[in-house]
Each structure stands twice: as structure tokens, then as C-alpha cells.
Amino acid sequence: MTVLRTIIDEIDGMIARDPAARSRLEVVLCYPAFHAIMAYRMAHPLWRRGWHLLPRMICQTARWLTGIEIHPGAKIGKKFFIDHGMGVVIGETAEIGDNVTLYQDVTLGGVSPAEESEKQRSVKRHPTLEDGVIIGCGAQILGPITVGKCARVGANSVVVKDVPYGVTVVGIPAKVVVARQQAQETVFSPYGTPMGDLPDPVARALEGLMQEVTILRNQVQVLEGRLEESENRAATPGATGSSGDMDYRVSDSKQ
């Protein structure tokens, strides 16, 4: 019953987050994510018991069939959903909480050097995703970092530092664009990207520069106007300073 309950929870979690899923049977028959996750659920207990070759073969077979590569040593919580799924890679020491969503081409990878691999065995090399995290397509989460609960990572982002709880990050390298107090944790964000206006750090910087340029242009126009007025007064007979210059020229002519 526990195994059946786990399978049903996985299916229901996929249906809840994918409007294209119309029935449990459709998920079982047509969703590569379901097939890959079921293969992982079967392989992971074997891996924990020290039977390394067989679980690797199970997950490798699932990779051939689905295009989703999940290492049997990874730790994955309940209701895990990989939407579309092709090209997803989940490394050996990755840890994933409950209700986490990944999209296609996501990598939960390590950054350890290729040499001296013997020293890196059983060492934390891959990311930790806490409960409710959403990772957009093409995102790369690299190294033993933590993506906080209910955080969002936008498509094609590269994350190499910890992501705080409840924020949205985008870009290369990823930076916060939606703060925690502005995030709506109860609203599902497809592809890890909030709907509506998404503040762009580059666009905001350019907007600030344009405002500064406008202010400087106005100041230059004011200064040019004052300079022109001063020149006009100096060129007008009888203006301040002109009589003195005329007296000086007359005295010089008399001499």
C-alpha cells in the first residue's frame, strides 16, 4: 500500500502542475518523467544497500527511453515533477525536497575537477533544492549550493551561489529579480518565471542612466541660455561694462 500510495502521489502531483494531463492513465502511459522517476524509485533503495551496478543499469535504461538522467544515488522527495524532461541531468549527490518542479534541459551538476576522482567519492558535489522549488528550462544549478524553499530559477539561468528562500533569480550568473516579500508562494510559476511584469536588472540600469542623461541635458540647456543672455548684454551699447570700455578708447585716442 505504501508503494501504491507513493505512485498515486507522484501521478497526482504531475496532474496538479500540468494542465495537459487529463487522467492518471495518461500520465502512466505517456509521461517520460513518470517512467524516469519510477525507475529511480526502484533503483535508489538498491543503491543505498550498496548494489551499485544494478541501479545504475536501471537508471541508464530509463535514460535511453526517456532522455532523463537521474543518478540512483540522488535523494528525491515526494511529488517530484519533470515537465517535458528531455535533457534533464541530476547528479549523484543532488538532494531534492517535496513538490519540486524541473523543466527540460535542467542540470543539477557538480563543479569538482575531473582529476583525483577517488578523493571526491561520497563528497557533496551537487545542489540541494528545498521544498517547492521551480527550475525553468535550460537552467544550470552547479555545485554544492542550496536553492531555498519556494525559490524560482528562471529559464537559461546559471546558478553558482545559494539562492535565498522565496526569491526569483534569473540571468548568468543568476541574480535576484523578485524579492521574497513580493513573491506569491501559493501561485505556481510555470518555467520558474513570474507572470506579468518581470523587473530586468539591465533594463532598470539603462532606465536610470537615461534619467540621468535627461537631467544633465536640461541643466546644459539652462547654462547655455544664461551664457547667451550674458553675451547679448555685453554686445548691446549702454550695457553694463560697455561705457567704461568706450571712455577708455576715447582717452587713448586723445593721447
C-alpha atoms as a PDB file:
ATOM      1  CA  MET A   1       0.000   0.000   0.000  1.00  0.00           C
ATOM      2  CA  THR A   2       2.872   2.379   0.727  1.00  0.00           C
ATOM      3  CA  VAL A   3       4.338   1.797  -2.734  1.00  0.00           C
ATOM      4  CA  LEU A   4       0.936   2.266  -4.366  1.00  0.00           C
ATOM      5  CA  ARG A   5       0.338   5.429  -2.350  1.00  0.00           C
ATOM      6  CA  THR A   6       3.715   6.774  -3.488  1.00  0.00           C
ATOM      7  CA  ILE A   7       2.890   6.084  -7.135  1.00  0.00           C
ATOM      8  CA  ILE A   8      -0.523   7.740  -6.848  1.00  0.00           C
ATOM      9  CA  ASP A   9       1.011  10.791  -5.151  1.00  0.00           C
ATOM     10  CA  GLU A  10       3.556  11.113  -7.977  1.00  0.00           C
ATOM     11  CA  ILE A  11       0.791  10.951 -10.595  1.00  0.00           C
ATOM     12  CA  ASP A  12      -1.455  13.422  -8.763  1.00  0.00           C
ATOM     13  CA  GLY A  13       1.447  15.841  -8.340  1.00  0.00           C
ATOM     14  CA  MET A  14       2.013  15.814 -12.099  1.00  0.00           C
ATOM     15  CA  ILE A  15      -1.670  16.313 -12.862  1.00  0.00           C
ATOM     16  CA  ALA A  16      -1.842  19.249 -10.424  1.00  0.00           C
ATOM     17  CA  ARG A  17       1.011  21.072 -12.182  1.00  0.00           C
ATOM     18  CA  ASP A  18       0.357  20.195 -15.830  1.00  0.00           C
ATOM     19  CA  PRO A  19      -2.977  21.205 -17.399  1.00  0.00           C
ATOM     20  CA  ALA A  20      -2.220  18.912 -20.348  1.00  0.00           C
ATOM     21  CA  ALA A  21      -2.582  15.848 -18.100  1.00  0.00           C
ATOM     22  CA  ARG A  22      -6.210  14.728 -18.198  1.00  0.00           C
ATOM     23  CA  SER A  23      -6.091  11.402 -16.387  1.00  0.00           C
ATOM     24  CA  ARG A  24      -3.872   9.183 -14.286  1.00  0.00           C
ATOM     25  CA  LEU A  25      -3.769   6.625 -17.064  1.00  0.00           C
ATOM     26  CA  GLU A  26      -2.456   9.236 -19.490  1.00  0.00           C
ATOM     27  CA  VAL A  27       0.354  10.093 -17.086  1.00  0.00           C
ATOM     28  CA  VAL A  28       1.282   6.432 -16.622  1.00  0.00           C
ATOM     29  CA  LEU A  29       1.359   5.712 -20.347  1.00  0.00           C
ATOM     30  CA  CYS A  30       2.580   8.957 -21.890  1.00  0.00           C
ATOM     31  CA  TYR A  31       4.764  10.875 -19.444  1.00  0.00           C
ATOM     32  CA  PRO A  32       8.517  10.154 -19.661  1.00  0.00           C
ATOM     33  CA  ALA A  33       9.007  11.919 -16.331  1.00  0.00           C
ATOM     34  CA  PHE A  34       6.804   9.347 -14.643  1.00  0.00           C
ATOM     35  CA  HIS A  35       8.774   6.492 -16.202  1.00  0.00           C
ATOM     36  CA  ALA A  36      12.131   8.012 -15.216  1.00  0.00           C
ATOM     37  CA  ILE A  37      11.016   8.716 -11.648  1.00  0.00           C
ATOM     38  CA  MET A  38       9.585   5.213 -11.208  1.00  0.00           C
ATOM     39  CA  ALA A  39      12.892   3.746 -12.419  1.00  0.00           C
ATOM     40  CA  TYR A  40      14.688   5.953  -9.877  1.00  0.00           C
ATOM     41  CA  ARG A  41      12.305   4.895  -7.080  1.00  0.00           C
ATOM     42  CA  MET A  42      13.168   1.300  -7.854  1.00  0.00           C
ATOM     43  CA  ALA A  43      16.923   1.868  -8.172  1.00  0.00           C
ATOM     44  CA  HIS A  44      17.535   4.155  -5.181  1.00  0.00           C
ATOM     45  CA  PRO A  45      16.866   1.547  -2.428  1.00  0.00           C
ATOM     46  CA  LEU A  46      19.251  -0.822  -4.186  1.00  0.00           C
ATOM     47  CA  TRP A  47      21.908   1.882  -4.312  1.00  0.00           C
ATOM     48  CA  ARG A  48      21.519   2.540  -0.587  1.00  0.00           C
ATOM     49  CA  ARG A  49      22.100  -1.163   0.070  1.00  0.00           C
ATOM     50  CA  GLY A  50      25.417  -0.992  -1.754  1.00  0.00           C
ATOM     51  CA  TRP A  51      24.324  -2.672  -5.009  1.00  0.00           C
ATOM     52  CA  HIS A  52      25.742  -0.048  -7.324  1.00  0.00           C
ATOM     53  CA  LEU A  53      25.840  -1.704 -10.746  1.00  0.00           C
ATOM     54  CA  LEU A  54      22.219  -2.855 -10.969  1.00  0.00           C
ATOM     55  CA  PRO A  55      20.658   0.509 -10.041  1.00  0.00           C
ATOM     56  CA  ARG A  56      22.976   2.269 -12.489  1.00  0.00           C
ATOM     57  CA  MET A  57      21.777  -0.094 -15.206  1.00  0.00           C
ATOM     58  CA  ILE A  58      18.136   0.580 -14.300  1.00  0.00           C
ATOM     59  CA  CYS A  59      18.597   4.352 -14.459  1.00  0.00           C
ATOM     60  CA  GLN A  60      20.669   4.114 -17.626  1.00  0.00           C
ATOM     61  CA  THR A  61      17.873   2.148 -19.295  1.00  0.00           C
ATOM     62  CA  ALA A  62      15.421   4.838 -18.222  1.00  0.00           C
ATOM     63  CA  ARG A  63      17.751   7.450 -19.702  1.00  0.00           C
ATOM     64  CA  TRP A  64      17.764   5.656 -23.079  1.00  0.00           C
ATOM     65  CA  LEU A  65      13.962   5.514 -23.042  1.00  0.00           C
ATOM     66  CA  THR A  66      13.141   8.979 -21.692  1.00  0.00           C
ATOM     67  CA  GLY A  67      16.155  11.273 -22.187  1.00  0.00           C
ATOM     68  CA  ILE A  68      16.127  11.971 -18.429  1.00  0.00           C
ATOM     69  CA  GLU A  69      19.257  11.073 -16.473  1.00  0.00           C
ATOM     70  CA  ILE A  70      18.792  10.594 -12.735  1.00  0.00           C
ATOM     71  CA  HIS A  71      21.634   9.115 -10.739  1.00  0.00           C
ATOM     72  CA  PRO A  72      20.328   6.442  -8.359  1.00  0.00           C
ATOM     73  CA  GLY A  73      22.359   7.979  -5.537  1.00  0.00           C
ATOM     74  CA  ALA A  74      20.409  11.247  -5.605  1.00  0.00           C
ATOM     75  CA  LYS A  75      17.871  11.918  -2.844  1.00  0.00           C
ATOM     76  CA  ILE A  76      14.446  12.942  -4.152  1.00  0.00           C
ATOM     77  CA  GLY A  77      11.351  13.805  -2.117  1.00  0.00           C
ATOM     78  CA  LYS A  78       7.655  13.323  -2.817  1.00  0.00           C
ATOM     79  CA  LYS A  79       5.632  14.627  -5.777  1.00  0.00           C
ATOM     80  CA  PHE A  80       8.674  15.385  -7.904  1.00  0.00           C
ATOM     81  CA  PHE A  81       7.721  16.536 -11.412  1.00  0.00           C
ATOM     82  CA  ILE A  82       9.896  16.913 -14.521  1.00  0.00           C
ATOM     83  CA  ASP A  83       7.803  18.644 -17.193  1.00  0.00           C
ATOM     84  CA  HIS A  84       8.724  17.545 -20.742  1.00  0.00           C
ATOM     85  CA  GLY A  85      12.012  16.313 -19.311  1.00  0.00           C
ATOM     86  CA  MET A  86      14.330  15.771 -22.271  1.00  0.00           C
ATOM     87  CA  GLY A  87      17.931  16.545 -21.349  1.00  0.00           C
ATOM     88  CA  VAL A  88      17.485  16.745 -17.575  1.00  0.00           C
ATOM     89  CA  VAL A  89      20.568  15.642 -15.609  1.00  0.00           C
ATOM     90  CA  ILE A  90      20.529  15.032 -11.839  1.00  0.00           C
ATOM     91  CA  GLY A  91      23.864  14.215 -10.238  1.00  0.00           C
ATOM     92  CA  GLU A  92      24.740  11.625  -7.617  1.00  0.00           C
ATOM     93  CA  THR A  93      24.821  13.853  -4.524  1.00  0.00           C
ATOM     94  CA  ALA A  94      21.894  16.079  -5.502  1.00  0.00           C
ATOM     95  CA  GLU A  95      19.128  16.427  -2.907  1.00  0.00           C
ATOM     96  CA  ILE A  96      15.577  17.399  -3.890  1.00  0.00           C
ATOM     97  CA  GLY A  97      12.744  18.198  -1.499  1.00  0.00           C
ATOM     98  CA  ASP A  98       8.988  17.718  -1.873  1.00  0.00           C
ATOM     99  CA  ASN A  99       6.847  19.289  -4.627  1.00  0.00           C
ATOM    100  CA  VAL A 100       9.832  20.341  -6.723  1.00  0.00           C
ATOM    101  CA  THR A 101       9.372  21.033 -10.449  1.00  0.00           C
ATOM    102  CA  LEU A 102      12.043  20.899 -13.153  1.00  0.00           C
ATOM    103  CA  TYR A 103      11.676  21.638 -16.840  1.00  0.00           C
ATOM    104  CA  GLN A 104      13.618  20.303 -19.819  1.00  0.00           C
ATOM    105  CA  ASP A 105      17.411  20.656 -20.115  1.00  0.00           C
ATOM    106  CA  VAL A 106      17.924  21.422 -16.419  1.00  0.00           C
ATOM    107  CA  THR A 107      21.249  20.317 -14.955  1.00  0.00           C
ATOM    108  CA  LEU A 108      21.880  19.719 -11.274  1.00  0.00           C
ATOM    109  CA  GLY A 109      25.607  19.342 -11.735  1.00  0.00           C
ATOM    110  CA  GLY A 110      28.881  19.377  -9.877  1.00  0.00           C
ATOM    111  CA  VAL A 111      31.911  21.589 -10.334  1.00  0.00           C
ATOM    112  CA  SER A 112      34.634  19.303  -8.989  1.00  0.00           C
ATOM    113  CA  PRO A 113      37.685  18.802 -11.215  1.00  0.00           C
ATOM    114  CA  ALA A 114      37.965  15.634 -13.248  1.00  0.00           C
ATOM    115  CA  GLU A 115      41.311  14.609 -11.758  1.00  0.00           C
ATOM    116  CA  GLU A 116      41.648  12.826  -8.407  1.00  0.00           C
ATOM    117  CA  SER A 117      38.105  11.471  -8.651  1.00  0.00           C
ATOM    118  CA  GLU A 118      38.824   8.920  -5.923  1.00  0.00           C
ATOM    119  CA  LYS A 119      39.025  11.718  -3.328  1.00  0.00           C
ATOM    120  CA  GLN A 120      35.651  13.078  -4.431  1.00  0.00           C
ATOM    121  CA  ARG A 121      33.619   9.939  -3.874  1.00  0.00           C
ATOM    122  CA  SER A 122      30.864  10.357  -1.282  1.00  0.00           C
ATOM    123  CA  VAL A 123      31.622  14.100  -1.145  1.00  0.00           C
ATOM    124  CA  LYS A 124      28.760  16.558  -1.636  1.00  0.00           C
ATOM    125  CA  ARG A 125      29.249  17.908  -5.169  1.00  0.00           C
ATOM    126  CA  HIS A 126      25.730  18.677  -6.392  1.00  0.00           C
ATOM    127  CA  PRO A 127      22.980  21.130  -5.399  1.00  0.00           C
ATOM    128  CA  THR A 128      20.216  20.869  -2.820  1.00  0.00           C
ATOM    129  CA  LEU A 129      16.721  22.009  -3.836  1.00  0.00           C
ATOM    130  CA  GLU A 130      14.386  22.574  -0.914  1.00  0.00           C
ATOM    131  CA  ASP A 131      10.598  22.094  -0.945  1.00  0.00           C
ATOM    132  CA  GLY A 132       8.525  23.839  -3.590  1.00  0.00           C
ATOM    133  CA  VAL A 133      11.398  24.961  -5.823  1.00  0.00           C
ATOM    134  CA  ILE A 134      10.741  25.534  -9.548  1.00  0.00           C
ATOM    135  CA  ILE A 135      13.603  25.441 -12.053  1.00  0.00           C
ATOM    136  CA  GLY A 136      12.961  26.799 -15.567  1.00  0.00           C
ATOM    137  CA  CYS A 137      14.102  25.081 -18.749  1.00  0.00           C
ATOM    138  CA  GLY A 138      17.794  25.200 -19.590  1.00  0.00           C
ATOM    139  CA  ALA A 139      18.848  26.355 -16.118  1.00  0.00           C
ATOM    140  CA  GLN A 140      22.155  25.107 -14.741  1.00  0.00           C
ATOM    141  CA  ILE A 141      22.429  24.689 -10.961  1.00  0.00           C
ATOM    142  CA  LEU A 142      26.068  23.953 -10.284  1.00  0.00           C
ATOM    143  CA  GLY A 143      27.984  22.908  -7.193  1.00  0.00           C
ATOM    144  CA  PRO A 144      27.054  22.038  -3.595  1.00  0.00           C
ATOM    145  CA  ILE A 145      24.779  25.061  -3.210  1.00  0.00           C
ATOM    146  CA  THR A 146      21.266  25.349  -1.773  1.00  0.00           C
ATOM    147  CA  VAL A 147      18.205  26.723  -3.531  1.00  0.00           C
ATOM    148  CA  GLY A 148      15.881  27.800  -0.723  1.00  0.00           C
ATOM    149  CA  LYS A 149      12.297  26.740  -0.175  1.00  0.00           C
ATOM    150  CA  CYS A 150       9.783  28.061  -2.753  1.00  0.00           C
ATOM    151  CA  ALA A 151      12.526  29.808  -4.743  1.00  0.00           C
ATOM    152  CA  ARG A 152      12.229  30.212  -8.517  1.00  0.00           C
ATOM    153  CA  VAL A 153      15.028  29.968 -11.084  1.00  0.00           C
ATOM    154  CA  GLY A 154      14.217  31.427 -14.494  1.00  0.00           C
ATOM    155  CA  ALA A 155      14.919  29.709 -17.809  1.00  0.00           C
ATOM    156  CA  ASN A 156      18.551  29.503 -19.003  1.00  0.00           C
ATOM    157  CA  SER A 157      19.920  30.876 -15.742  1.00  0.00           C
ATOM    158  CA  VAL A 158      23.248  29.742 -14.315  1.00  0.00           C
ATOM    159  CA  VAL A 159      23.212  29.459 -10.530  1.00  0.00           C
ATOM    160  CA  VAL A 160      26.535  29.090  -8.716  1.00  0.00           C
ATOM    161  CA  LYS A 161      25.634  30.618  -5.322  1.00  0.00           C
ATOM    162  CA  ASP A 162      22.981  29.885  -2.714  1.00  0.00           C
ATOM    163  CA  VAL A 163      19.504  31.175  -3.514  1.00  0.00           C
ATOM    164  CA  PRO A 164      17.542  32.543  -0.517  1.00  0.00           C
ATOM    165  CA  TYR A 165      14.120  31.305   0.453  1.00  0.00           C
ATOM    166  CA  GLY A 166      11.204  32.526  -1.653  1.00  0.00           C
ATOM    167  CA  VAL A 167      13.007  34.714  -4.211  1.00  0.00           C
ATOM    168  CA  THR A 168      13.180  34.564  -8.014  1.00  0.00           C
ATOM    169  CA  VAL A 169      16.567  34.629  -9.755  1.00  0.00           C
ATOM    170  CA  VAL A 170      17.424  34.953 -13.446  1.00  0.00           C
ATOM    171  CA  GLY A 171      20.479  35.592 -15.594  1.00  0.00           C
ATOM    172  CA  ILE A 172      24.109  34.498 -15.967  1.00  0.00           C
ATOM    173  CA  PRO A 173      25.149  34.447 -13.212  1.00  0.00           C
ATOM    174  CA  ALA A 174      21.705  34.367 -11.632  1.00  0.00           C
ATOM    175  CA  LYS A 175      20.603  37.436  -9.645  1.00  0.00           C
ATOM    176  CA  VAL A 176      17.502  38.196  -7.603  1.00  0.00           C
ATOM    177  CA  VAL A 177      14.766  39.968  -9.609  1.00  0.00           C
ATOM    178  CA  VAL A 178      11.756  39.312  -7.347  1.00  0.00           C
ATOM    179  CA  ALA A 179      12.277  39.698  -3.608  1.00  0.00           C
ATOM    180  CA  ARG A 180      10.762  37.393  -1.020  1.00  0.00           C
ATOM    181  CA  GLN A 181       8.099  39.859   0.142  1.00  0.00           C
ATOM    182  CA  GLN A 182       6.910  40.303  -3.449  1.00  0.00           C
ATOM    183  CA  ALA A 183       6.745  36.577  -4.238  1.00  0.00           C
ATOM    184  CA  GLN A 184       3.453  34.727  -4.083  1.00  0.00           C
ATOM    185  CA  GLU A 185       4.335  31.290  -2.799  1.00  0.00           C
ATOM    186  CA  THR A 186       0.849  29.900  -3.345  1.00  0.00           C
ATOM    187  CA  VAL A 187       0.905  30.739  -7.063  1.00  0.00           C
ATOM    188  CA  PHE A 188       2.562  28.207  -9.351  1.00  0.00           C
ATOM    189  CA  SER A 189       5.065  29.871 -11.708  1.00  0.00           C
ATOM    190  CA  PRO A 190       5.446  27.950 -14.985  1.00  0.00           C
ATOM    191  CA  TYR A 191       9.080  27.674 -16.061  1.00  0.00           C
ATOM    192  CA  GLY A 192      10.090  29.389 -12.828  1.00  0.00           C
ATOM    193  CA  THR A 193       9.176  32.795 -14.277  1.00  0.00           C
ATOM    194  CA  PRO A 194       6.534  35.028 -12.636  1.00  0.00           C
ATOM    195  CA  MET A 195       3.716  36.150 -14.860  1.00  0.00           C
ATOM    196  CA  GLY A 196       3.227  39.851 -15.641  1.00  0.00           C
ATOM    197  CA  ASP A 197       5.968  42.455 -15.489  1.00  0.00           C
ATOM    198  CA  LEU A 198       9.313  40.928 -14.559  1.00  0.00           C
ATOM    199  CA  PRO A 199      11.885  43.530 -13.498  1.00  0.00           C
ATOM    200  CA  ASP A 200      15.028  43.303 -15.599  1.00  0.00           C
ATOM    201  CA  PRO A 201      18.193  44.479 -13.785  1.00  0.00           C
ATOM    202  CA  VAL A 202      19.804  45.600 -17.062  1.00  0.00           C
ATOM    203  CA  ALA A 203      16.668  47.446 -18.158  1.00  0.00           C
ATOM    204  CA  ARG A 204      16.437  49.165 -14.783  1.00  0.00           C
ATOM    205  CA  ALA A 205      20.082  50.255 -15.011  1.00  0.00           C
ATOM    206  CA  LEU A 206      19.566  51.632 -18.525  1.00  0.00           C
ATOM    207  CA  GLU A 207      16.432  53.453 -17.399  1.00  0.00           C
ATOM    208  CA  GLY A 208      18.378  55.064 -14.554  1.00  0.00           C
ATOM    209  CA  LEU A 209      21.119  56.163 -16.963  1.00  0.00           C
ATOM    210  CA  MET A 210      18.555  57.678 -19.339  1.00  0.00           C
ATOM    211  CA  GLN A 211      17.039  59.665 -16.471  1.00  0.00           C
ATOM    212  CA  GLU A 212      20.494  60.989 -15.541  1.00  0.00           C
ATOM    213  CA  VAL A 213      21.170  61.953 -19.169  1.00  0.00           C
ATOM    214  CA  THR A 214      17.855  63.810 -19.344  1.00  0.00           C
ATOM    215  CA  ILE A 215      18.626  65.757 -16.167  1.00  0.00           C
ATOM    216  CA  LEU A 216      22.120  66.687 -17.420  1.00  0.00           C
ATOM    217  CA  ARG A 217      20.726  67.752 -20.808  1.00  0.00           C
ATOM    218  CA  ASN A 218      18.244  70.090 -19.105  1.00  0.00           C
ATOM    219  CA  GLN A 219      20.999  71.573 -16.960  1.00  0.00           C
ATOM    220  CA  VAL A 220      23.198  72.179 -20.042  1.00  0.00           C
ATOM    221  CA  GLN A 221      20.310  73.931 -21.813  1.00  0.00           C
ATOM    222  CA  VAL A 222      19.814  76.243 -18.813  1.00  0.00           C
ATOM    223  CA  LEU A 223      23.532  77.096 -18.707  1.00  0.00           C
ATOM    224  CA  GLU A 224      23.644  77.716 -22.466  1.00  0.00           C
ATOM    225  CA  GLY A 225      20.639  80.067 -22.123  1.00  0.00           C
ATOM    226  CA  ARG A 226      22.328  82.071 -19.381  1.00  0.00           C
ATOM    227  CA  LEU A 227      25.554  82.293 -21.397  1.00  0.00           C
ATOM    228  CA  GLU A 228      23.675  83.547 -24.445  1.00  0.00           C
ATOM    229  CA  GLU A 229      21.881  86.199 -22.366  1.00  0.00           C
ATOM    230  CA  SER A 230      25.197  87.367 -20.939  1.00  0.00           C
ATOM    231  CA  GLU A 231      26.754  87.628 -24.404  1.00  0.00           C
ATOM    232  CA  ASN A 232      23.759  89.594 -25.682  1.00  0.00           C
ATOM    233  CA  ARG A 233      24.003  92.104 -22.831  1.00  0.00           C
ATOM    234  CA  ALA A 234      27.723  92.548 -23.441  1.00  0.00           C
ATOM    235  CA  ALA A 235      27.164  93.230 -27.150  1.00  0.00           C
ATOM    236  CA  THR A 236      24.388  95.812 -26.553  1.00  0.00           C
ATOM    237  CA  PRO A 237      25.557  99.566 -26.375  1.00  0.00           C
ATOM    238  CA  GLY A 238      24.931 101.086 -22.972  1.00  0.00           C
ATOM    239  CA  ALA A 239      25.004  97.684 -21.280  1.00  0.00           C
ATOM    240  CA  THR A 240      26.927  97.211 -18.088  1.00  0.00           C
ATOM    241  CA  GLY A 241      30.650  97.487 -18.735  1.00  0.00           C
ATOM    242  CA  SER A 242      30.285  98.965 -22.258  1.00  0.00           C
ATOM    243  CA  SER A 243      30.553 102.707 -21.202  1.00  0.00           C
ATOM    244  CA  GLY A 244      33.778 102.138 -19.399  1.00  0.00           C
ATOM    245  CA  ASP A 245      35.269 100.481 -22.449  1.00  0.00           C
ATOM    246  CA  MET A 246      34.177 103.427 -24.652  1.00  0.00           C
ATOM    247  CA  ASP A 247      35.724 106.054 -22.274  1.00  0.00           C
ATOM    248  CA  TYR A 248      38.948 104.089 -22.278  1.00  0.00           C
ATOM    249  CA  ARG A 249      39.062 104.032 -26.076  1.00  0.00           C
ATOM    250  CA  VAL A 250      38.342 107.832 -26.226  1.00  0.00           C
ATOM    251  CA  SER A 251      41.124 108.666 -23.780  1.00  0.00           C
ATOM    252  CA  ASP A 252      43.535 106.556 -25.789  1.00  0.00           C
ATOM    253  CA  SER A 253      42.636 108.447 -28.994  1.00  0.00           C
ATOM    254  CA  LYS A 254      43.283 111.815 -27.339  1.00  0.00           C
ATOM    255  CA  GLN A 255      46.699 110.767 -26.253  1.00  0.00           C
END
